[in-house]
Amino acid sequence: MFSRLKKLFDDFFTSVGEATLLLLQAVWFLFKKPPKLEHFVNQLAYIGAETLPVVLVTSFFSGGVIVVETYSTFHRFHAEYLLGAVVAISMARELGPVLTSLMVVARVGSAMTAQIGTMKITEQIDALRVLAVNPVGYLVTPRLVASLISVPLLTVVADVTGIFGGWFVAVKLFGVNDYLFWQKMKDIVELHDFLGGIYKAAVFGVIIATVSCYFGFATKGGAQGVGKATTSSVVTSSMLILIVDYFLSALIY
């Protein structure tokens, strides 16, 4: 049992070290030899623009769910006019960055791992090295930069959409006063609430790109290995997002 635990810890710290080195190499190549604009734009479109519909739907209904869950409690104290502030703070601080990041992991992170993993087992990465092209700078750096930009932008969209989802349910379905909904939101919610969520989203974007690319490069065992690497990537990224979210929340707020 002791040997198994030792091997488990060794594998864990080895993976953390390799993923950290991969991140540092990607950042190094960003300044040493920046990727072509075409590669960056393609990744930005894939991670950001094509993920936008999923984020819009999930965030709109998330804002509505907040109102549905809290309306009855606020109604007891005749404080329905505070629902706007509750929705805005919940989306800006927590649900916006976390739900957006989890959607990006599910849709984009898994695809990153599968793409790079397939290249690994079909020896395309070795072919890049033969052609004197560094695979980290060619594959990881554009994805890292695109994730760092796309996830915060998607979070901003998610915040706005979630607020309108909460407004629709509160005002149109539950009859909350429209003016008070927006006025109390402006009185209570601060810019710091939204900026904190954007800071979180930037960190989550780095986590998603790093973990997804790392598991892609670590793929072994053919097609079955690609499936295992993709599953491990999604699970690890999701867990890290939720764990890091706690520490970032304690640090920022």
Protein backbone atom coordinates (compact mmCIF):
# COMPACT_ATOMS: atom_id res chain seq x y z
CA MET A 1 0.00 0.00 0.00
CA PHE A 2 2.86 2.34 0.84
CA SER A 3 4.48 1.70 -2.53
CA ARG A 4 1.20 2.40 -4.31
CA LEU A 5 0.76 5.69 -2.49
CA LYS A 6 4.35 6.62 -3.26
CA LYS A 7 3.84 5.86 -6.95
CA LEU A 8 0.60 7.86 -6.92
CA PHE A 9 2.29 10.91 -5.45
CA ASP A 10 5.27 10.54 -7.78
CA ASP A 11 2.99 10.40 -10.83
CA PHE A 12 1.00 13.38 -9.55
CA PHE A 13 3.98 15.66 -8.99
CA THR A 14 5.58 14.50 -12.22
CA SER A 15 2.44 15.43 -14.15
CA VAL A 16 2.22 18.81 -12.41
CA GLY A 17 5.86 19.52 -13.23
CA GLU A 18 5.52 18.51 -16.87
CA ALA A 19 2.35 20.57 -17.31
CA THR A 20 4.06 23.59 -15.72
CA LEU A 21 7.05 23.23 -18.02
CA LEU A 22 4.71 22.98 -20.99
CA LEU A 23 3.04 26.22 -19.93
CA LEU A 24 6.36 28.00 -19.49
CA GLN A 25 7.58 26.79 -22.89
CA ALA A 26 4.38 28.02 -24.54
CA VAL A 27 4.83 31.46 -22.95
CA TRP A 28 8.50 31.49 -23.99
CA PHE A 29 7.68 30.77 -27.63
CA LEU A 30 5.04 33.50 -27.54
CA PHE A 31 7.85 36.06 -27.17
CA LYS A 32 10.69 34.21 -28.88
CA LYS A 33 8.80 33.18 -32.01
CA PRO A 34 5.15 34.28 -31.98
CA PRO A 35 2.71 32.04 -33.85
CA LYS A 36 1.31 33.14 -37.16
CA LEU A 37 -1.72 35.36 -36.93
CA GLU A 38 -3.71 32.84 -38.95
CA HIS A 39 -3.21 30.11 -36.33
CA PHE A 40 -4.20 32.46 -33.54
CA VAL A 41 -7.32 33.69 -35.33
CA ASN A 42 -8.42 30.12 -36.11
CA GLN A 43 -8.12 29.12 -32.46
CA LEU A 44 -9.81 32.32 -31.32
CA ALA A 45 -12.75 31.64 -33.63
CA TYR A 46 -13.01 28.01 -32.53
CA ILE A 47 -12.72 28.64 -28.80
CA GLY A 48 -14.65 31.90 -28.68
CA ALA A 49 -17.07 32.42 -31.54
CA GLU A 50 -18.19 28.82 -31.98
CA THR A 51 -18.70 28.36 -28.22
CA LEU A 52 -20.81 31.52 -27.94
CA PRO A 53 -24.24 29.88 -28.60
CA VAL A 54 -23.68 27.33 -25.83
CA VAL A 55 -22.69 30.06 -23.39
CA LEU A 56 -25.69 32.21 -24.31
CA VAL A 57 -28.20 29.42 -23.66
CA THR A 58 -26.66 28.19 -20.40
CA SER A 59 -26.14 31.67 -18.92
CA PHE A 60 -29.65 32.88 -19.81
CA PHE A 61 -31.28 29.98 -18.03
CA SER A 62 -28.80 30.20 -15.15
CA GLY A 63 -29.93 33.76 -14.48
CA GLY A 64 -33.54 32.62 -14.63
CA VAL A 65 -32.88 29.76 -12.22
CA ILE A 66 -31.41 32.16 -9.65
CA VAL A 67 -34.67 34.13 -9.65
CA VAL A 68 -36.83 31.01 -9.50
CA GLU A 69 -34.88 29.67 -6.52
CA THR A 70 -34.73 32.92 -4.55
CA TYR A 71 -38.02 34.65 -5.38
CA SER A 72 -40.12 32.84 -2.76
CA THR A 73 -37.66 33.68 0.03
CA PHE A 74 -37.39 37.35 -0.95
CA HIS A 75 -41.17 37.55 -1.36
CA ARG A 76 -41.67 36.64 2.31
CA PHE A 77 -39.80 39.80 3.31
CA HIS A 78 -41.22 41.95 0.48
CA ALA A 79 -37.71 42.36 -0.93
CA GLU A 80 -38.30 41.22 -4.49
CA TYR A 81 -36.67 44.40 -5.76
CA LEU A 82 -33.29 43.00 -4.63
CA LEU A 83 -33.44 40.14 -7.13
CA GLY A 84 -31.59 42.19 -9.74
CA ALA A 85 -28.62 42.69 -7.43
CA VAL A 86 -28.63 39.03 -6.44
CA VAL A 87 -28.60 37.86 -10.05
CA ALA A 88 -25.88 40.32 -11.06
CA ILE A 89 -23.57 39.47 -8.16
CA SER A 90 -24.10 35.72 -8.56
CA MET A 91 -23.38 35.82 -12.29
CA ALA A 92 -20.46 38.25 -12.07
CA ARG A 93 -18.63 36.64 -9.18
CA GLU A 94 -19.32 32.95 -9.59
CA LEU A 95 -21.69 31.51 -12.16
CA GLY A 96 -20.46 33.56 -15.11
CA PRO A 97 -16.79 32.55 -15.04
CA VAL A 98 -17.32 29.02 -13.68
CA LEU A 99 -20.15 27.93 -15.99
CA THR A 100 -18.46 29.50 -19.00
CA SER A 101 -15.20 27.72 -18.22
CA LEU A 102 -16.95 24.39 -17.75
CA MET A 103 -18.71 24.81 -21.09
CA VAL A 104 -15.39 25.60 -22.76
CA VAL A 105 -13.85 22.51 -21.14
CA ALA A 106 -16.69 20.31 -22.37
CA ARG A 107 -16.69 21.64 -25.90
CA VAL A 108 -13.17 22.89 -26.61
CA GLY A 109 -10.88 21.33 -24.01
CA SER A 110 -11.83 17.81 -24.99
CA ALA A 111 -11.32 18.66 -28.66
CA MET A 112 -7.87 20.10 -27.96
CA THR A 113 -6.80 16.91 -26.24
CA ALA A 114 -8.26 14.70 -28.97
CA GLN A 115 -6.61 16.70 -31.76
CA ILE A 116 -3.15 16.77 -30.21
CA GLY A 117 -3.50 13.18 -28.97
CA THR A 118 -4.36 11.99 -32.46
CA MET A 119 -1.35 13.85 -33.84
CA LYS A 120 0.80 12.18 -31.18
CA ILE A 121 -0.22 8.59 -31.93
CA THR A 122 -0.07 9.12 -35.71
CA GLU A 123 3.46 10.57 -35.34
CA GLN A 124 2.52 13.95 -36.78
CA ILE A 125 4.22 15.66 -33.84
CA ASP A 126 7.43 13.79 -34.64
CA ALA A 127 7.06 14.99 -38.23
CA LEU A 128 6.90 18.59 -36.99
CA ARG A 129 10.18 18.09 -35.15
CA VAL A 130 11.74 16.63 -38.28
CA LEU A 131 10.67 19.77 -40.15
CA ALA A 132 12.36 21.90 -37.45
CA VAL A 133 9.00 23.14 -36.14
CA ASN A 134 8.67 23.13 -32.36
CA PRO A 135 5.34 21.43 -31.55
CA VAL A 136 4.84 23.47 -28.36
CA GLY A 137 5.12 26.79 -30.14
CA TYR A 138 3.07 25.54 -33.08
CA LEU A 139 0.27 23.77 -31.19
CA VAL A 140 0.15 25.04 -27.60
CA THR A 141 0.98 28.75 -27.80
CA PRO A 142 -1.92 29.74 -30.13
CA ARG A 143 -4.37 27.73 -28.02
CA LEU A 144 -3.06 29.25 -24.80
CA VAL A 145 -3.35 32.84 -26.03
CA ALA A 146 -6.75 32.22 -27.59
CA SER A 147 -8.08 30.66 -24.36
CA LEU A 148 -6.66 33.51 -22.29
CA ILE A 149 -8.60 36.01 -24.42
CA SER A 150 -11.74 34.03 -25.29
CA VAL A 151 -12.79 32.80 -21.85
CA PRO A 152 -12.91 36.30 -20.25
CA LEU A 153 -14.80 37.66 -23.25
CA LEU A 154 -17.27 34.79 -23.09
CA THR A 155 -17.65 35.45 -19.36
CA VAL A 156 -18.64 39.06 -20.04
CA VAL A 157 -21.29 37.83 -22.48
CA ALA A 158 -22.45 35.23 -19.95
CA ASP A 159 -22.80 37.89 -17.24
CA VAL A 160 -24.93 40.15 -19.41
CA THR A 161 -27.05 37.28 -20.74
CA GLY A 162 -27.58 35.86 -17.25
CA ILE A 163 -28.73 39.23 -15.95
CA PHE A 164 -31.26 39.53 -18.76
CA GLY A 165 -32.40 35.98 -18.08
CA GLY A 166 -33.01 36.91 -14.46
CA TRP A 167 -34.77 40.11 -15.53
CA PHE A 168 -37.07 38.20 -17.87
CA VAL A 169 -38.15 35.73 -15.18
CA ALA A 170 -38.41 38.33 -12.41
CA VAL A 171 -40.16 41.11 -14.31
CA LYS A 172 -42.11 39.32 -17.03
CA LEU A 173 -43.10 36.16 -15.17
CA PHE A 174 -43.14 37.13 -11.48
CA GLY A 175 -44.20 40.77 -11.88
CA VAL A 176 -41.29 42.41 -10.07
CA ASN A 177 -41.06 46.17 -10.56
CA ASP A 178 -38.87 46.83 -13.60
CA TYR A 179 -37.42 50.12 -12.33
CA LEU A 180 -36.50 48.76 -8.90
CA PHE A 181 -34.93 45.65 -10.45
CA TRP A 182 -32.38 47.76 -12.35
CA GLN A 183 -32.03 50.56 -9.79
CA LYS A 184 -31.13 48.30 -6.88
CA MET A 185 -28.71 46.48 -9.11
CA LYS A 186 -26.92 49.75 -9.88
CA ASP A 187 -26.94 50.76 -6.19
CA ILE A 188 -25.51 47.50 -4.83
CA VAL A 189 -23.38 45.89 -7.53
CA GLU A 190 -19.87 47.27 -7.99
CA LEU A 191 -17.42 47.12 -10.87
CA HIS A 192 -15.11 45.07 -8.67
CA ASP A 193 -17.65 42.23 -8.73
CA PHE A 194 -17.41 41.97 -12.51
CA LEU A 195 -13.65 42.48 -12.67
CA GLY A 196 -13.10 39.69 -10.15
CA GLY A 197 -15.04 37.30 -12.37
CA ILE A 198 -12.99 38.34 -15.40
CA TYR A 199 -9.75 37.73 -13.48
CA LYS A 200 -11.03 34.27 -12.62
CA ALA A 201 -11.94 33.57 -16.23
CA ALA A 202 -8.43 34.49 -17.41
CA VAL A 203 -6.89 32.01 -14.95
CA PHE A 204 -9.42 29.36 -15.96
CA GLY A 205 -8.54 29.91 -19.62
CA VAL A 206 -4.87 29.22 -18.90
CA ILE A 207 -5.81 26.09 -16.93
CA ILE A 208 -8.01 24.77 -19.74
CA ALA A 209 -5.40 25.24 -22.45
CA THR A 210 -2.52 23.90 -20.37
CA VAL A 211 -4.29 20.79 -19.08
CA SER A 212 -5.88 19.95 -22.43
CA CYS A 213 -2.63 20.28 -24.36
CA TYR A 214 -0.66 18.40 -21.70
CA PHE A 215 -2.93 15.36 -21.84
CA GLY A 216 -2.80 15.53 -25.62
CA PHE A 217 1.00 15.34 -25.60
CA ALA A 218 0.88 12.56 -22.96
CA THR A 219 -1.44 10.35 -25.05
CA LYS A 220 -0.35 6.72 -25.44
CA GLY A 221 -1.89 3.51 -26.72
CA GLY A 222 -3.64 4.26 -29.98
CA ALA A 223 -7.29 5.22 -30.35
CA GLN A 224 -8.15 3.89 -26.90
CA GLY A 225 -5.44 6.10 -25.44
CA VAL A 226 -6.98 9.15 -27.10
CA GLY A 227 -10.29 8.39 -25.40
CA LYS A 228 -8.63 7.96 -22.01
CA ALA A 229 -6.62 11.16 -22.42
CA THR A 230 -9.73 13.13 -23.41
CA THR A 231 -11.67 11.86 -20.39
CA SER A 232 -8.78 12.60 -18.04
CA SER A 233 -8.40 16.07 -19.53
CA VAL A 234 -12.05 17.02 -19.03
CA VAL A 235 -12.19 15.65 -15.48
CA THR A 236 -8.91 17.25 -14.42
CA SER A 237 -9.74 20.63 -15.96
CA SER A 238 -13.18 20.70 -14.34
CA MET A 239 -11.79 19.77 -10.92
CA LEU A 240 -9.01 22.35 -11.15
CA ILE A 241 -11.46 25.07 -12.14
CA LEU A 242 -13.64 24.41 -9.09
CA ILE A 243 -10.66 24.08 -6.73
CA VAL A 244 -8.87 27.18 -7.99
CA ASP A 245 -12.19 29.07 -7.94
CA TYR A 246 -12.32 28.72 -4.16
CA PHE A 247 -8.85 30.17 -3.65
CA LEU A 248 -9.40 32.97 -6.16
CA SER A 249 -12.70 33.89 -4.49
CA ALA A 250 -11.01 34.04 -1.09
CA LEU A 251 -8.20 36.13 -2.55
CA ILE A 252 -10.25 38.57 -4.64
CA TYR A 253 -13.32 39.11 -2.48
